[in-house]
Amino acid sequence: MRKGEGLRNGKDFDGKTIGVNDTRGLQWMYARGWVKATRGDPDTVTYRAVPFPQMIDALKSKQVDGAIPSEPFLSASRSDPALEIIANPAARCSPRAASPRGS
């Protein structure tokens, strides 16, 4: 997300938009699960389909309020001073999926 926006948990994303690569794909499921697990209502969030290569630009240009990029775009976002990572939805929703060996 953009630094300084004050979005820290799912409750903060109620009524906001999260960029996912597919509106019925894995990132979408993780986004919904993370919002719900962190006190938000996933049905009040808009999930916008954004191709992985465009996610960071969509975030920086305020087309989305949060995004779930994949590598190598996630690493690129880590080095951008205008952005910050607030969560790992995959780890929160499915710890096995986020582990290096799936165990």
Protein backbone atom coordinates (compact mmCIF):
# COMPACT_ATOMS: atom_id res chain seq x y z
CA MET A 1 0.00 0.00 0.00
CA ARG A 2 1.00 3.63 -0.16
CA LYS A 3 2.89 4.87 2.88
CA GLY A 4 0.96 7.09 5.23
CA GLU A 5 -2.50 5.90 4.19
CA GLY A 6 -3.26 4.39 7.60
CA LEU A 7 -4.51 1.11 6.18
CA ARG A 8 -3.28 -1.65 8.50
CA ASN A 9 -5.93 -4.37 8.69
CA GLY A 10 -9.01 -5.71 6.95
CA LYS A 11 -11.32 -3.35 8.82
CA ASP A 12 -9.39 -0.42 7.33
CA PHE A 13 -10.07 -1.80 3.83
CA ASP A 14 -13.87 -1.82 4.23
CA GLY A 15 -15.14 0.23 1.29
CA LYS A 16 -11.70 0.30 -0.36
CA THR A 17 -10.26 -1.41 -3.44
CA ILE A 18 -7.64 -4.17 -3.53
CA GLY A 19 -5.83 -5.09 -6.75
CA VAL A 20 -5.69 -8.82 -7.47
CA ASN A 21 -4.59 -10.55 -10.65
CA ASP A 22 -7.94 -12.32 -11.14
CA THR A 23 -11.24 -11.58 -9.42
CA ARG A 24 -11.86 -15.26 -8.72
CA GLY A 25 -8.27 -16.48 -8.40
CA LEU A 26 -5.87 -17.30 -5.61
CA GLN A 27 -4.95 -13.68 -4.74
CA TRP A 28 -8.65 -12.84 -4.58
CA MET A 29 -9.24 -15.69 -2.14
CA TYR A 30 -6.25 -14.65 -0.01
CA ALA A 31 -7.38 -11.01 -0.05
CA ARG A 32 -10.89 -11.92 1.08
CA GLY A 33 -9.56 -14.29 3.75
CA TRP A 34 -7.11 -11.69 5.08
CA VAL A 35 -9.77 -8.98 5.22
CA LYS A 36 -12.09 -11.28 7.15
CA ALA A 37 -9.32 -12.58 9.46
CA THR A 38 -8.35 -9.02 10.37
CA ARG A 39 -11.84 -7.81 11.33
CA GLY A 40 -13.00 -6.51 7.95
CA ASP A 41 -16.00 -7.36 5.82
CA PRO A 42 -14.76 -8.87 2.55
CA ASP A 43 -18.11 -8.15 0.90
CA THR A 44 -17.57 -4.37 1.27
CA VAL A 45 -14.19 -4.45 -0.49
CA THR A 46 -13.92 -4.04 -4.26
CA TYR A 47 -11.47 -6.49 -5.84
CA ARG A 48 -10.13 -5.08 -9.09
CA ALA A 49 -8.39 -7.30 -11.64
CA VAL A 50 -4.97 -5.82 -12.34
CA PRO A 51 -2.21 -7.70 -14.19
CA PHE A 52 0.83 -8.31 -11.98
CA PRO A 53 3.12 -6.02 -14.02
CA GLN A 54 0.69 -3.08 -13.55
CA MET A 55 -0.15 -3.55 -9.85
CA ILE A 56 2.47 -1.20 -8.43
CA ASP A 57 1.55 1.55 -10.90
CA ALA A 58 -2.16 1.04 -10.10
CA LEU A 59 -1.35 1.38 -6.42
CA LYS A 60 0.81 4.48 -6.84
CA SER A 61 -1.75 6.18 -9.12
CA LYS A 62 -4.54 5.46 -6.59
CA GLN A 63 -6.52 3.17 -8.87
CA VAL A 64 -6.43 0.67 -5.99
CA ASP A 65 -5.85 1.16 -2.25
CA GLY A 66 -3.93 -2.08 -1.77
CA ALA A 67 -2.50 -4.82 -3.99
CA ILE A 68 -1.24 -8.37 -3.79
CA PRO A 69 1.67 -8.53 -6.24
CA SER A 70 3.77 -11.61 -6.96
CA GLU A 71 7.49 -11.85 -7.61
CA PRO A 72 9.41 -10.10 -9.06
CA PHE A 73 6.97 -7.21 -8.57
CA LEU A 74 6.75 -7.79 -4.81
CA SER A 75 10.51 -7.34 -4.47
CA ALA A 76 10.38 -4.19 -6.56
CA SER A 77 7.70 -2.75 -4.28
CA ARG A 78 9.91 -3.39 -1.23
CA SER A 79 12.51 -0.97 -2.53
CA ASP A 80 10.02 1.77 -3.41
CA PRO A 81 10.06 4.45 -0.69
CA ALA A 82 6.45 5.47 -1.47
CA LEU A 83 5.12 2.01 -0.63
CA GLU A 84 5.03 -0.31 2.37
CA ILE A 85 4.07 -3.92 2.90
CA ILE A 86 1.53 -4.37 5.66
CA ALA A 87 0.72 -8.08 5.45
CA ASN A 88 1.27 -11.41 3.80
CA PRO A 89 -2.29 -12.58 3.10
CA ALA A 90 -1.14 -16.03 1.96
CA ALA A 91 0.68 -16.64 5.24
CA ARG A 92 -2.26 -15.37 7.28
CA CYS A 93 -4.83 -17.48 5.43
CA SER A 94 -2.80 -20.54 4.53
CA PRO A 95 0.53 -20.89 6.36
CA ARG A 96 1.40 -24.02 4.37
CA ALA A 97 1.05 -22.13 1.07
CA ALA A 98 3.42 -19.42 2.25
CA SER A 99 6.18 -21.72 3.50
CA PRO A 100 9.14 -22.33 1.18
CA ARG A 101 8.56 -26.09 0.95
CA GLY A 102 4.81 -26.12 1.51
CA SER A 103 5.17 -27.79 4.88
